[in-house]
Amino acid sequence: YIDKFKYKSVGTEDFKSYLLSYFQEDS
């Protein structure tokens, strides 16, 4: 997550979307 969004400004939805995508195979 740190590597993907480094140098950027993000909102909560960015974190949520990335987590859901990263763990999409995890029930």
mmCIF file of all heavy atoms, coordinates in Angstrom:
data_MODEL
# 
_entry.id   MODEL 
# 
loop_
_atom_site.group_PDB 
_atom_site.id 
_atom_site.type_symbol 
_atom_site.label_atom_id 
_atom_site.label_alt_id 
_atom_site.label_comp_id 
_atom_site.label_asym_id 
_atom_site.label_entity_id 
_atom_site.label_seq_id 
_atom_site.pdbx_PDB_ins_code 
_atom_site.Cartn_x 
_atom_site.Cartn_y 
_atom_site.Cartn_z 
_atom_site.occupancy 
_atom_site.B_iso_or_equiv 
_atom_site.pdbx_formal_charge 
_atom_site.auth_seq_id 
_atom_site.auth_comp_id 
_atom_site.auth_asym_id 
_atom_site.auth_atom_id 
_atom_site.pdbx_PDB_model_num 
ATOM 1   N N   . TYR A 1 1  ? 0.836   -1.205  0.000  1.00 0.00 ? 1  TYR A N   1 
ATOM 2   C CA  . TYR A 1 1  ? 0.000   0.000   0.000  1.00 0.00 ? 1  TYR A CA  1 
ATOM 3   C C   . TYR A 1 1  ? 0.871   1.256   0.000  1.00 0.00 ? 1  TYR A C   1 
ATOM 4   O O   . TYR A 1 1  ? 0.639   2.196   -0.760 1.00 0.00 ? 1  TYR A O   1 
ATOM 5   C CB  . TYR A 1 1  ? -0.924  -0.027  1.219  1.00 0.00 ? 1  TYR A CB  1 
ATOM 6   C CG  . TYR A 1 1  ? -1.498  1.315   1.608  1.00 0.00 ? 1  TYR A CG  1 
ATOM 7   C CD1 . TYR A 1 1  ? -2.595  1.854   0.943  1.00 0.00 ? 1  TYR A CD1 1 
ATOM 8   C CD2 . TYR A 1 1  ? -0.922  2.062   2.639  1.00 0.00 ? 1  TYR A CD2 1 
ATOM 9   C CE1 . TYR A 1 1  ? -3.114  3.095   1.303  1.00 0.00 ? 1  TYR A CE1 1 
ATOM 10  C CE2 . TYR A 1 1  ? -1.434  3.291   3.005  1.00 0.00 ? 1  TYR A CE2 1 
ATOM 11  C CZ  . TYR A 1 1  ? -2.519  3.809   2.332  1.00 0.00 ? 1  TYR A CZ  1 
ATOM 12  O OH  . TYR A 1 1  ? -3.021  5.039   2.676  1.00 0.00 ? 1  TYR A OH  1 
ATOM 13  N N   . ILE A 1 2  ? 1.907   1.251   0.858  1.00 0.00 ? 2  ILE A N   1 
ATOM 14  C CA  . ILE A 1 2  ? 2.829   2.394   0.900  1.00 0.00 ? 2  ILE A CA  1 
ATOM 15  C C   . ILE A 1 2  ? 3.488   2.582   -0.464 1.00 0.00 ? 2  ILE A C   1 
ATOM 16  O O   . ILE A 1 2  ? 3.577   3.702   -0.983 1.00 0.00 ? 2  ILE A O   1 
ATOM 17  C CB  . ILE A 1 2  ? 3.919   2.185   1.984  1.00 0.00 ? 2  ILE A CB  1 
ATOM 18  C CG1 . ILE A 1 2  ? 3.297   2.045   3.368  1.00 0.00 ? 2  ILE A CG1 1 
ATOM 19  C CG2 . ILE A 1 2  ? 4.949   3.318   1.936  1.00 0.00 ? 2  ILE A CG2 1 
ATOM 20  C CD1 . ILE A 1 2  ? 2.692   3.286   3.935  1.00 0.00 ? 2  ILE A CD1 1 
ATOM 21  N N   . ASP A 1 3  ? 3.925   1.497   -1.055 1.00 0.00 ? 3  ASP A N   1 
ATOM 22  C CA  . ASP A 1 3  ? 4.622   1.586   -2.346 1.00 0.00 ? 3  ASP A CA  1 
ATOM 23  C C   . ASP A 1 3  ? 3.679   2.070   -3.453 1.00 0.00 ? 3  ASP A C   1 
ATOM 24  O O   . ASP A 1 3  ? 4.070   2.893   -4.296 1.00 0.00 ? 3  ASP A O   1 
ATOM 25  C CB  . ASP A 1 3  ? 5.203   0.220   -2.717 1.00 0.00 ? 3  ASP A CB  1 
ATOM 26  C CG  . ASP A 1 3  ? 6.047   0.277   -3.975 1.00 0.00 ? 3  ASP A CG  1 
ATOM 27  O OD1 . ASP A 1 3  ? 7.054   1.021   -3.976 1.00 0.00 ? 3  ASP A OD1 1 
ATOM 28  O OD2 . ASP A 1 3  ? 5.694   -0.393  -4.963 1.00 0.00 ? 3  ASP A OD2 1 
ATOM 29  N N   . LYS A 1 4  ? 2.447   1.604   -3.440 1.00 0.00 ? 4  LYS A N   1 
ATOM 30  C CA  . LYS A 1 4  ? 1.507   1.988   -4.499 1.00 0.00 ? 4  LYS A CA  1 
ATOM 31  C C   . LYS A 1 4  ? 1.152   3.472   -4.442 1.00 0.00 ? 4  LYS A C   1 
ATOM 32  O O   . LYS A 1 4  ? 1.035   4.138   -5.474 1.00 0.00 ? 4  LYS A O   1 
ATOM 33  C CB  . LYS A 1 4  ? 0.224   1.154   -4.395 1.00 0.00 ? 4  LYS A CB  1 
ATOM 34  C CG  . LYS A 1 4  ? -0.828  1.531   -5.458 1.00 0.00 ? 4  LYS A CG  1 
ATOM 35  C CD  . LYS A 1 4  ? -2.021  0.616   -5.404 1.00 0.00 ? 4  LYS A CD  1 
ATOM 36  C CE  . LYS A 1 4  ? -3.097  1.065   -6.398 1.00 0.00 ? 4  LYS A CE  1 
ATOM 37  N NZ  . LYS A 1 4  ? -2.626  1.069   -7.797 1.00 0.00 ? 4  LYS A NZ  1 
ATOM 38  N N   . PHE A 1 5  ? 0.972   3.996   -3.245 1.00 0.00 ? 5  PHE A N   1 
ATOM 39  C CA  . PHE A 1 5  ? 0.479   5.369   -3.116 1.00 0.00 ? 5  PHE A CA  1 
ATOM 40  C C   . PHE A 1 5  ? 1.551   6.373   -2.693 1.00 0.00 ? 5  PHE A C   1 
ATOM 41  O O   . PHE A 1 5  ? 1.222   7.515   -2.346 1.00 0.00 ? 5  PHE A O   1 
ATOM 42  C CB  . PHE A 1 5  ? -0.696  5.408   -2.131 1.00 0.00 ? 5  PHE A CB  1 
ATOM 43  C CG  . PHE A 1 5  ? -1.922  4.698   -2.630 1.00 0.00 ? 5  PHE A CG  1 
ATOM 44  C CD1 . PHE A 1 5  ? -2.290  3.460   -2.118 1.00 0.00 ? 5  PHE A CD1 1 
ATOM 45  C CD2 . PHE A 1 5  ? -2.700  5.246   -3.637 1.00 0.00 ? 5  PHE A CD2 1 
ATOM 46  C CE1 . PHE A 1 5  ? -3.418  2.801   -2.580 1.00 0.00 ? 5  PHE A CE1 1 
ATOM 47  C CE2 . PHE A 1 5  ? -3.832  4.600   -4.103 1.00 0.00 ? 5  PHE A CE2 1 
ATOM 48  C CZ  . PHE A 1 5  ? -4.194  3.363   -3.582 1.00 0.00 ? 5  PHE A CZ  1 
ATOM 49  N N   . LYS A 1 6  ? 2.830   5.980   -2.731 1.00 0.00 ? 6  LYS A N   1 
ATOM 50  C CA  . LYS A 1 6  ? 3.894   6.905   -2.333 1.00 0.00 ? 6  LYS A CA  1 
ATOM 51  C C   . LYS A 1 6  ? 3.885   8.152   -3.217 1.00 0.00 ? 6  LYS A C   1 
ATOM 52  O O   . LYS A 1 6  ? 3.541   8.084   -4.405 1.00 0.00 ? 6  LYS A O   1 
ATOM 53  C CB  . LYS A 1 6  ? 5.256   6.215   -2.392 1.00 0.00 ? 6  LYS A CB  1 
ATOM 54  C CG  . LYS A 1 6  ? 5.662   5.718   -3.770 1.00 0.00 ? 6  LYS A CG  1 
ATOM 55  C CD  . LYS A 1 6  ? 6.931   4.891   -3.680 1.00 0.00 ? 6  LYS A CD  1 
ATOM 56  C CE  . LYS A 1 6  ? 7.300   4.330   -5.053 1.00 0.00 ? 6  LYS A CE  1 
ATOM 57  N NZ  . LYS A 1 6  ? 8.439   3.406   -4.982 1.00 0.00 ? 6  LYS A NZ  1 
ATOM 58  N N   . TYR A 1 7  ? 4.201   9.272   -2.599 1.00 0.00 ? 7  TYR A N   1 
ATOM 59  C CA  . TYR A 1 7  ? 4.229   10.605  -3.224 1.00 0.00 ? 7  TYR A CA  1 
ATOM 60  C C   . TYR A 1 7  ? 2.833   11.136  -3.549 1.00 0.00 ? 7  TYR A C   1 
ATOM 61  O O   . TYR A 1 7  ? 2.705   12.181  -4.179 1.00 0.00 ? 7  TYR A O   1 
ATOM 62  C CB  . TYR A 1 7  ? 5.095   10.643  -4.490 1.00 0.00 ? 7  TYR A CB  1 
ATOM 63  C CG  . TYR A 1 7  ? 6.472   10.050  -4.306 1.00 0.00 ? 7  TYR A CG  1 
ATOM 64  C CD1 . TYR A 1 7  ? 6.858   8.901   -4.993 1.00 0.00 ? 7  TYR A CD1 1 
ATOM 65  C CD2 . TYR A 1 7  ? 7.387   10.633  -3.432 1.00 0.00 ? 7  TYR A CD2 1 
ATOM 66  C CE1 . TYR A 1 7  ? 8.126   8.349   -4.811 1.00 0.00 ? 7  TYR A CE1 1 
ATOM 67  C CE2 . TYR A 1 7  ? 8.648   10.085  -3.249 1.00 0.00 ? 7  TYR A CE2 1 
ATOM 68  C CZ  . TYR A 1 7  ? 9.009   8.950   -3.947 1.00 0.00 ? 7  TYR A CZ  1 
ATOM 69  O OH  . TYR A 1 7  ? 10.257  8.409   -3.759 1.00 0.00 ? 7  TYR A OH  1 
ATOM 70  N N   . LYS A 1 8  ? 1.777   10.430  -3.114 1.00 0.00 ? 8  LYS A N   1 
ATOM 71  C CA  . LYS A 1 8  ? 0.415   10.833  -3.466 1.00 0.00 ? 8  LYS A CA  1 
ATOM 72  C C   . LYS A 1 8  ? -0.382  11.244  -2.225 1.00 0.00 ? 8  LYS A C   1 
ATOM 73  O O   . LYS A 1 8  ? -0.018  10.931  -1.095 1.00 0.00 ? 8  LYS A O   1 
ATOM 74  C CB  . LYS A 1 8  ? -0.314  9.695   -4.188 1.00 0.00 ? 8  LYS A CB  1 
ATOM 75  C CG  . LYS A 1 8  ? 0.305   9.327   -5.531 1.00 0.00 ? 8  LYS A CG  1 
ATOM 76  C CD  . LYS A 1 8  ? -0.408  8.138   -6.157 1.00 0.00 ? 8  LYS A CD  1 
ATOM 77  C CE  . LYS A 1 8  ? 0.264   7.750   -7.480 1.00 0.00 ? 8  LYS A CE  1 
ATOM 78  N NZ  . LYS A 1 8  ? -0.344  6.526   -8.053 1.00 0.00 ? 8  LYS A NZ  1 
ATOM 79  N N   . SER A 1 9  ? -1.487  11.918  -2.488 1.00 0.00 ? 9  SER A N   1 
ATOM 80  C CA  . SER A 1 9  ? -2.466  12.237  -1.445 1.00 0.00 ? 9  SER A CA  1 
ATOM 81  C C   . SER A 1 9  ? -3.713  11.411  -1.719 1.00 0.00 ? 9  SER A C   1 
ATOM 82  O O   . SER A 1 9  ? -4.199  11.386  -2.857 1.00 0.00 ? 9  SER A O   1 
ATOM 83  C CB  . SER A 1 9  ? -2.806  13.725  -1.468 1.00 0.00 ? 9  SER A CB  1 
ATOM 84  O OG  . SER A 1 9  ? -1.653  14.504  -1.243 1.00 0.00 ? 9  SER A OG  1 
ATOM 85  N N   . VAL A 1 10 ? -4.213  10.734  -0.694 1.00 0.00 ? 10 VAL A N   1 
ATOM 86  C CA  . VAL A 1 10 ? -5.280  9.754   -0.903 1.00 0.00 ? 10 VAL A CA  1 
ATOM 87  C C   . VAL A 1 10 ? -6.412  9.963   0.095  1.00 0.00 ? 10 VAL A C   1 
ATOM 88  O O   . VAL A 1 10 ? -6.257  10.610  1.126  1.00 0.00 ? 10 VAL A O   1 
ATOM 89  C CB  . VAL A 1 10 ? -4.737  8.313   -0.771 1.00 0.00 ? 10 VAL A CB  1 
ATOM 90  C CG1 . VAL A 1 10 ? -3.707  8.020   -1.846 1.00 0.00 ? 10 VAL A CG1 1 
ATOM 91  C CG2 . VAL A 1 10 ? -4.138  8.084   0.624  1.00 0.00 ? 10 VAL A CG2 1 
ATOM 92  N N   . GLY A 1 11 ? -7.560  9.389   -0.238 1.00 0.00 ? 11 GLY A N   1 
ATOM 93  C CA  . GLY A 1 11 ? -8.707  9.378   0.651  1.00 0.00 ? 11 GLY A CA  1 
ATOM 94  C C   . GLY A 1 11 ? -9.000  7.962   1.116  1.00 0.00 ? 11 GLY A C   1 
ATOM 95  O O   . GLY A 1 11 ? -8.410  6.990   0.634  1.00 0.00 ? 11 GLY A O   1 
ATOM 96  N N   . THR A 1 12 ? -9.929  7.842   2.029  1.00 0.00 ? 12 THR A N   1 
ATOM 97  C CA  . THR A 1 12 ? -10.284 6.546   2.602  1.00 0.00 ? 12 THR A CA  1 
ATOM 98  C C   . THR A 1 12 ? -10.726 5.561   1.526  1.00 0.00 ? 12 THR A C   1 
ATOM 99  O O   . THR A 1 12 ? -10.420 4.363   1.595  1.00 0.00 ? 12 THR A O   1 
ATOM 100 C CB  . THR A 1 12 ? -11.379 6.729   3.663  1.00 0.00 ? 12 THR A CB  1 
ATOM 101 O OG1 . THR A 1 12 ? -10.886 7.614   4.679  1.00 0.00 ? 12 THR A OG1 1 
ATOM 102 C CG2 . THR A 1 12 ? -11.778 5.418   4.287  1.00 0.00 ? 12 THR A CG2 1 
ATOM 103 N N   . GLU A 1 13 ? -11.441 6.047   0.524  1.00 0.00 ? 13 GLU A N   1 
ATOM 104 C CA  . GLU A 1 13 ? -11.912 5.157   -0.547 1.00 0.00 ? 13 GLU A CA  1 
ATOM 105 C C   . GLU A 1 13 ? -10.757 4.522   -1.318 1.00 0.00 ? 13 GLU A C   1 
ATOM 106 O O   . GLU A 1 13 ? -10.874 3.398   -1.804 1.00 0.00 ? 13 GLU A O   1 
ATOM 107 C CB  . GLU A 1 13 ? -12.834 5.926   -1.505 1.00 0.00 ? 13 GLU A CB  1 
ATOM 108 C CG  . GLU A 1 13 ? -14.217 6.207   -0.937 1.00 0.00 ? 13 GLU A CG  1 
ATOM 109 C CD  . GLU A 1 13 ? -14.979 4.943   -0.553 1.00 0.00 ? 13 GLU A CD  1 
ATOM 110 O OE1 . GLU A 1 13 ? -14.972 3.975   -1.342 1.00 0.00 ? 13 GLU A OE1 1 
ATOM 111 O OE2 . GLU A 1 13 ? -15.545 4.904   0.557  1.00 0.00 ? 13 GLU A OE2 1 
ATOM 112 N N   . ASP A 1 14 ? -9.636  5.242   -1.432 1.00 0.00 ? 14 ASP A N   1 
ATOM 113 C CA  . ASP A 1 14 ? -8.463  4.676   -2.117 1.00 0.00 ? 14 ASP A CA  1 
ATOM 114 C C   . ASP A 1 14 ? -7.935  3.476   -1.346 1.00 0.00 ? 14 ASP A C   1 
ATOM 115 O O   . ASP A 1 14 ? -7.608  2.439   -1.930 1.00 0.00 ? 14 ASP A O   1 
ATOM 116 C CB  . ASP A 1 14 ? -7.363  5.733   -2.256 1.00 0.00 ? 14 ASP A CB  1 
ATOM 117 C CG  . ASP A 1 14 ? -7.788  6.904   -3.123 1.00 0.00 ? 14 ASP A CG  1 
ATOM 118 O OD1 . ASP A 1 14 ? -8.143  6.685   -4.293 1.00 0.00 ? 14 ASP A OD1 1 
ATOM 119 O OD2 . ASP A 1 14 ? -7.767  8.043   -2.623 1.00 0.00 ? 14 ASP A OD2 1 
ATOM 120 N N   . PHE A 1 15 ? -7.846  3.620   -0.030 1.00 0.00 ? 15 PHE A N   1 
ATOM 121 C CA  . PHE A 1 15 ? -7.384  2.511   0.807  1.00 0.00 ? 15 PHE A CA  1 
ATOM 122 C C   . PHE A 1 15 ? -8.361  1.341   0.731  1.00 0.00 ? 15 PHE A C   1 
ATOM 123 O O   . PHE A 1 15 ? -7.967  0.188   0.538  1.00 0.00 ? 15 PHE A O   1 
ATOM 124 C CB  . PHE A 1 15 ? -7.237  2.975   2.250  1.00 0.00 ? 15 PHE A CB  1 
ATOM 125 C CG  . PHE A 1 15 ? -7.009  1.854   3.227  1.00 0.00 ? 15 PHE A CG  1 
ATOM 126 C CD1 . PHE A 1 15 ? -5.807  1.162   3.249  1.00 0.00 ? 15 PHE A CD1 1 
ATOM 127 C CD2 . PHE A 1 15 ? -8.005  1.472   4.122  1.00 0.00 ? 15 PHE A CD2 1 
ATOM 128 C CE1 . PHE A 1 15 ? -5.594  0.124   4.150  1.00 0.00 ? 15 PHE A CE1 1 
ATOM 129 C CE2 . PHE A 1 15 ? -7.804  0.442   5.024  1.00 0.00 ? 15 PHE A CE2 1 
ATOM 130 C CZ  . PHE A 1 15 ? -6.590  -0.238  5.040  1.00 0.00 ? 15 PHE A CZ  1 
ATOM 131 N N   . LYS A 1 16 ? -9.639  1.643   0.856  1.00 0.00 ? 16 LYS A N   1 
ATOM 132 C CA  . LYS A 1 16 ? -10.659 0.589   0.824  1.00 0.00 ? 16 LYS A CA  1 
ATOM 133 C C   . LYS A 1 16 ? -10.617 -0.175  -0.503 1.00 0.00 ? 16 LYS A C   1 
ATOM 134 O O   . LYS A 1 16 ? -10.605 -1.413  -0.518 1.00 0.00 ? 16 LYS A O   1 
ATOM 135 C CB  . LYS A 1 16 ? -12.046 1.207   1.040  1.00 0.00 ? 16 LYS A CB  1 
ATOM 136 C CG  . LYS A 1 16 ? -13.191 0.212   0.942  1.00 0.00 ? 16 LYS A CG  1 
ATOM 137 C CD  . LYS A 1 16 ? -14.542 0.910   1.107  1.00 0.00 ? 16 LYS A CD  1 
ATOM 138 C CE  . LYS A 1 16 ? -15.700 -0.054  0.876  1.00 0.00 ? 16 LYS A CE  1 
ATOM 139 N NZ  . LYS A 1 16 ? -17.013 0.615   0.997  1.00 0.00 ? 16 LYS A NZ  1 
ATOM 140 N N   . SER A 1 17 ? -10.579 0.548   -1.604 1.00 0.00 ? 17 SER A N   1 
ATOM 141 C CA  . SER A 1 17 ? -10.580 -0.089  -2.936 1.00 0.00 ? 17 SER A CA  1 
ATOM 142 C C   . SER A 1 17 ? -9.349  -0.968  -3.116 1.00 0.00 ? 17 SER A C   1 
ATOM 143 O O   . SER A 1 17 ? -9.435  -2.078  -3.653 1.00 0.00 ? 17 SER A O   1 
ATOM 144 C CB  . SER A 1 17 ? -10.627 0.970   -4.032 1.00 0.00 ? 17 SER A CB  1 
ATOM 145 O OG  . SER A 1 17 ? -11.819 1.705   -3.962 1.00 0.00 ? 17 SER A OG  1 
ATOM 146 N N   . TYR A 1 18 ? -8.193  -0.458  -2.662 1.00 0.00 ? 18 TYR A N   1 
ATOM 147 C CA  . TYR A 1 18 ? -6.966  -1.233  -2.841 1.00 0.00 ? 18 TYR A CA  1 
ATOM 148 C C   . TYR A 1 18 ? -6.987  -2.491  -1.985 1.00 0.00 ? 18 TYR A C   1 
ATOM 149 O O   . TYR A 1 18 ? -6.602  -3.579  -2.454 1.00 0.00 ? 18 TYR A O   1 
ATOM 150 C CB  . TYR A 1 18 ? -5.743  -0.375  -2.516 1.00 0.00 ? 18 TYR A CB  1 
ATOM 151 C CG  . TYR A 1 18 ? -4.439  -1.099  -2.750 1.00 0.00 ? 18 TYR A CG  1 
ATOM 152 C CD1 . TYR A 1 18 ? -4.116  -1.593  -4.019 1.00 0.00 ? 18 TYR A CD1 1 
ATOM 153 C CD2 . TYR A 1 18 ? -3.545  -1.324  -1.709 1.00 0.00 ? 18 TYR A CD2 1 
ATOM 154 C CE1 . TYR A 1 18 ? -2.932  -2.278  -4.243 1.00 0.00 ? 18 TYR A CE1 1 
ATOM 155 C CE2 . TYR A 1 18 ? -2.349  -2.010  -1.926 1.00 0.00 ? 18 TYR A CE2 1 
ATOM 156 C CZ  . TYR A 1 18 ? -2.055  -2.486  -3.190 1.00 0.00 ? 18 TYR A CZ  1 
ATOM 157 O OH  . TYR A 1 18 ? -0.880  -3.173  -3.413 1.00 0.00 ? 18 TYR A OH  1 
ATOM 158 N N   . LEU A 1 19 ? -7.469  -2.377  -0.746 1.00 0.00 ? 19 LEU A N   1 
ATOM 159 C CA  . LEU A 1 19 ? -7.531  -3.562  0.115  1.00 0.00 ? 19 LEU A CA  1 
ATOM 160 C C   . LEU A 1 19 ? -8.488  -4.608  -0.463 1.00 0.00 ? 19 LEU A C   1 
ATOM 161 O O   . LEU A 1 19 ? -8.162  -5.800  -0.507 1.00 0.00 ? 19 LEU A O   1 
ATOM 162 C CB  . LEU A 1 19 ? -7.956  -3.161  1.524  1.00 0.00 ? 19 LEU A CB  1 
ATOM 163 C CG  . LEU A 1 19 ? -7.998  -4.317  2.537  1.00 0.00 ? 19 LEU A CG  1 
ATOM 164 C CD1 . LEU A 1 19 ? -7.453  -3.874  3.889  1.00 0.00 ? 19 LEU A CD1 1 
ATOM 165 C CD2 . LEU A 1 19 ? -9.416  -4.863  2.741  1.00 0.00 ? 19 LEU A CD2 1 
ATOM 166 N N   . LEU A 1 20 ? -9.654  -4.167  -0.920 1.00 0.00 ? 20 LEU A N   1 
ATOM 167 C CA  . LEU A 1 20 ? -10.628 -5.120  -1.468 1.00 0.00 ? 20 LEU A CA  1 
ATOM 168 C C   . LEU A 1 20 ? -10.093 -5.795  -2.725 1.00 0.00 ? 20 LEU A C   1 
ATOM 169 O O   . LEU A 1 20 ? -10.345 -6.988  -2.962 1.00 0.00 ? 20 LEU A O   1 
ATOM 170 C CB  . LEU A 1 20 ? -11.951 -4.409  -1.755 1.00 0.00 ? 20 LEU A CB  1 
ATOM 171 C CG  . LEU A 1 20 ? -12.725 -3.937  -0.517 1.00 0.00 ? 20 LEU A CG  1 
ATOM 172 C CD1 . LEU A 1 20 ? -13.970 -3.162  -0.922 1.00 0.00 ? 20 LEU A CD1 1 
ATOM 173 C CD2 . LEU A 1 20 ? -13.108 -5.119  0.379  1.00 0.00 ? 20 LEU A CD2 1 
ATOM 174 N N   . SER A 1 21 ? -9.340  -5.044  -3.524 1.00 0.00 ? 21 SER A N   1 
ATOM 175 C CA  . SER A 1 21 ? -8.749  -5.630  -4.729 1.00 0.00 ? 21 SER A CA  1 
ATOM 176 C C   . SER A 1 21 ? -7.643  -6.615  -4.365 1.00 0.00 ? 21 SER A C   1 
ATOM 177 O O   . SER A 1 21 ? -7.558  -7.712  -4.920 1.00 0.00 ? 21 SER A O   1 
ATOM 178 C CB  . SER A 1 21 ? -8.192  -4.513  -5.620 1.00 0.00 ? 21 SER A CB  1 
ATOM 179 O OG  . SER A 1 21 ? -7.457  -5.051  -6.690 1.00 0.00 ? 21 SER A OG  1 
ATOM 180 N N   . TYR A 1 22 ? -6.805  -6.231  -3.412 1.00 0.00 ? 22 TYR A N   1 
ATOM 181 C CA  . TYR A 1 22 ? -5.658  -7.054  -3.023 1.00 0.00 ? 22 TYR A CA  1 
ATOM 182 C C   . TYR A 1 22 ? -6.122  -8.386  -2.422 1.00 0.00 ? 22 TYR A C   1 
ATOM 183 O O   . TYR A 1 22 ? -5.542  -9.439  -2.688 1.00 0.00 ? 22 TYR A O   1 
ATOM 184 C CB  . TYR A 1 22 ? -4.809  -6.274  -2.020 1.00 0.00 ? 22 TYR A CB  1 
ATOM 185 C CG  . TYR A 1 22 ? -3.502  -6.912  -1.655 1.00 0.00 ? 22 TYR A CG  1 
ATOM 186 C CD1 . TYR A 1 22 ? -2.326  -6.563  -2.318 1.00 0.00 ? 22 TYR A CD1 1 
ATOM 187 C CD2 . TYR A 1 22 ? -3.406  -7.855  -0.617 1.00 0.00 ? 22 TYR A CD2 1 
ATOM 188 C CE1 . TYR A 1 22 ? -1.099  -7.134  -1.974 1.00 0.00 ? 22 TYR A CE1 1 
ATOM 189 C CE2 . TYR A 1 22 ? -2.199  -8.434  -0.265 1.00 0.00 ? 22 TYR A CE2 1 
ATOM 190 C CZ  . TYR A 1 22 ? -1.047  -8.068  -0.949 1.00 0.00 ? 22 TYR A CZ  1 
ATOM 191 O OH  . TYR A 1 22 ? 0.164   -8.637  -0.606 1.00 0.00 ? 22 TYR A OH  1 
ATOM 192 N N   . PHE A 1 23 ? -7.182  -8.327  -1.596 1.00 0.00 ? 23 PHE A N   1 
ATOM 193 C CA  . PHE A 1 23 ? -7.664  -9.526  -0.905 1.00 0.00 ? 23 PHE A CA  1 
ATOM 194 C C   . PHE A 1 23 ? -8.929  -10.092 -1.551 1.00 0.00 ? 23 PHE A C   1 
ATOM 195 O O   . PHE A 1 23 ? -9.723  -10.757 -0.874 1.00 0.00 ? 23 PHE A O   1 
ATOM 196 C CB  . PHE A 1 23 ? -7.938  -9.199  0.569  1.00 0.00 ? 23 PHE A CB  1 
ATOM 197 C CG  . PHE A 1 23 ? -6.701  -8.979  1.397  1.00 0.00 ? 23 PHE A CG  1 
ATOM 198 C CD1 . PHE A 1 23 ? -6.294  -7.694  1.741  1.00 0.00 ? 23 PHE A CD1 1 
ATOM 199 C CD2 . PHE A 1 23 ? -5.935  -10.050 1.832  1.00 0.00 ? 23 PHE A CD2 1 
ATOM 200 C CE1 . PHE A 1 23 ? -5.164  -7.480  2.520  1.00 0.00 ? 23 PHE A CE1 1 
ATOM 201 C CE2 . PHE A 1 23 ? -4.799  -9.857  2.611  1.00 0.00 ? 23 PHE A CE2 1 
ATOM 202 C CZ  . PHE A 1 23 ? -4.409  -8.564  2.949  1.00 0.00 ? 23 PHE A CZ  1 
ATOM 203 N N   . GLN A 1 24 ? -9.125  -9.848  -2.829 1.00 0.00 ? 24 GLN A N   1 
ATOM 204 C CA  . GLN A 1 24 ? -10.389 -10.240 -3.463 1.00 0.00 ? 24 GLN A CA  1 
ATOM 205 C C   . GLN A 1 24 ? -10.652 -11.741 -3.415 1.00 0.00 ? 24 GLN A C   1 
ATOM 206 O O   . GLN A 1 24 ? -11.809 -12.174 -3.454 1.00 0.00 ? 24 GLN A O   1 
ATOM 207 C CB  . GLN A 1 24 ? -10.417 -9.746  -4.912 1.00 0.00 ? 24 GLN A CB  1 
ATOM 208 C CG  . GLN A 1 24 ? -9.308  -10.283 -5.804 1.00 0.00 ? 24 GLN A CG  1 
ATOM 209 C CD  . GLN A 1 24 ? -9.352  -9.642  -7.179 1.00 0.00 ? 24 GLN A CD  1 
ATOM 210 O OE1 . GLN A 1 24 ? -10.412 -9.619  -7.809 1.00 0.00 ? 24 GLN A OE1 1 
ATOM 211 N NE2 . GLN A 1 24 ? -8.232  -9.118  -7.640 1.00 0.00 ? 24 GLN A NE2 1 
ATOM 212 N N   . GLU A 1 25 ? -9.602  -12.544 -3.287 1.00 0.00 ? 25 GLU A N   1 
ATOM 213 C CA  . GLU A 1 25 ? -9.782  -13.999 -3.217 1.00 0.00 ? 25 GLU A CA  1 
ATOM 214 C C   . GLU A 1 25 ? -10.023 -14.487 -1.788 1.00 0.00 ? 25 GLU A C   1 
ATOM 215 O O   . GLU A 1 25 ? -10.236 -15.675 -1.565 1.00 0.00 ? 25 GLU A O   1 
ATOM 216 C CB  . GLU A 1 25 ? -8.540  -14.708 -3.790 1.00 0.00 ? 25 GLU A CB  1 
ATOM 217 C CG  . GLU A 1 25 ? -8.198  -14.338 -5.228 1.00 0.00 ? 25 GLU A CG  1 
ATOM 218 C CD  . GLU A 1 25 ? -9.302  -14.694 -6.210 1.00 0.00 ? 25 GLU A CD  1 
ATOM 219 O OE1 . GLU A 1 25 ? -9.968  -15.737 -6.003 1.00 0.00 ? 25 GLU A OE1 1 
ATOM 220 O OE2 . GLU A 1 25 ? -9.511  -13.930 -7.168 1.00 0.00 ? 25 GLU A OE2 1 
ATOM 221 N N   . ASP A 1 26 ? -9.955  -13.571 -0.834 1.00 0.00 ? 26 ASP A N   1 
ATOM 222 C CA  . ASP A 1 26 ? -10.077 -13.951 0.580  1.00 0.00 ? 26 ASP A CA  1 
ATOM 223 C C   . ASP A 1 26 ? -11.505 -13.672 1.040  1.00 0.00 ? 26 ASP A C   1 
ATOM 224 O O   . ASP A 1 26 ? -11.946 -12.517 1.073  1.00 0.00 ? 26 ASP A O   1 
ATOM 225 C CB  . ASP A 1 26 ? -9.072  -13.132 1.410  1.00 0.00 ? 26 ASP A CB  1 
ATOM 226 C CG  . ASP A 1 26 ? -8.929  -13.643 2.834  1.00 0.00 ? 26 ASP A CG  1 
ATOM 227 O OD1 . ASP A 1 26 ? -9.919  -14.177 3.375  1.00 0.00 ? 26 ASP A OD1 1 
ATOM 228 O OD2 . ASP A 1 26 ? -7.842  -13.491 3.418  1.00 0.00 ? 26 ASP A OD2 1 
ATOM 229 N N   . SER A 1 27 ? -12.215 -14.704 1.423  1.00 0.00 ? 27 SER A N   1 
ATOM 230 C CA  . SER A 1 27 ? -13.620 -14.548 1.817  1.00 0.00 ? 27 SER A CA  1 
ATOM 231 C C   . SER A 1 27 ? -13.788 -13.717 3.096  1.00 0.00 ? 27 SER A C   1 
ATOM 232 O O   . SER A 1 27 ? -14.874 -13.206 3.372  1.00 0.00 ? 27 SER A O   1 
ATOM 233 C CB  . SER A 1 27 ? -14.267 -15.926 2.027  1.00 0.00 ? 27 SER A CB  1 
ATOM 234 O OG  . SER A 1 27 ? -13.593 -16.641 3.063  1.00 0.00 ? 27 SER A OG  1 
# 
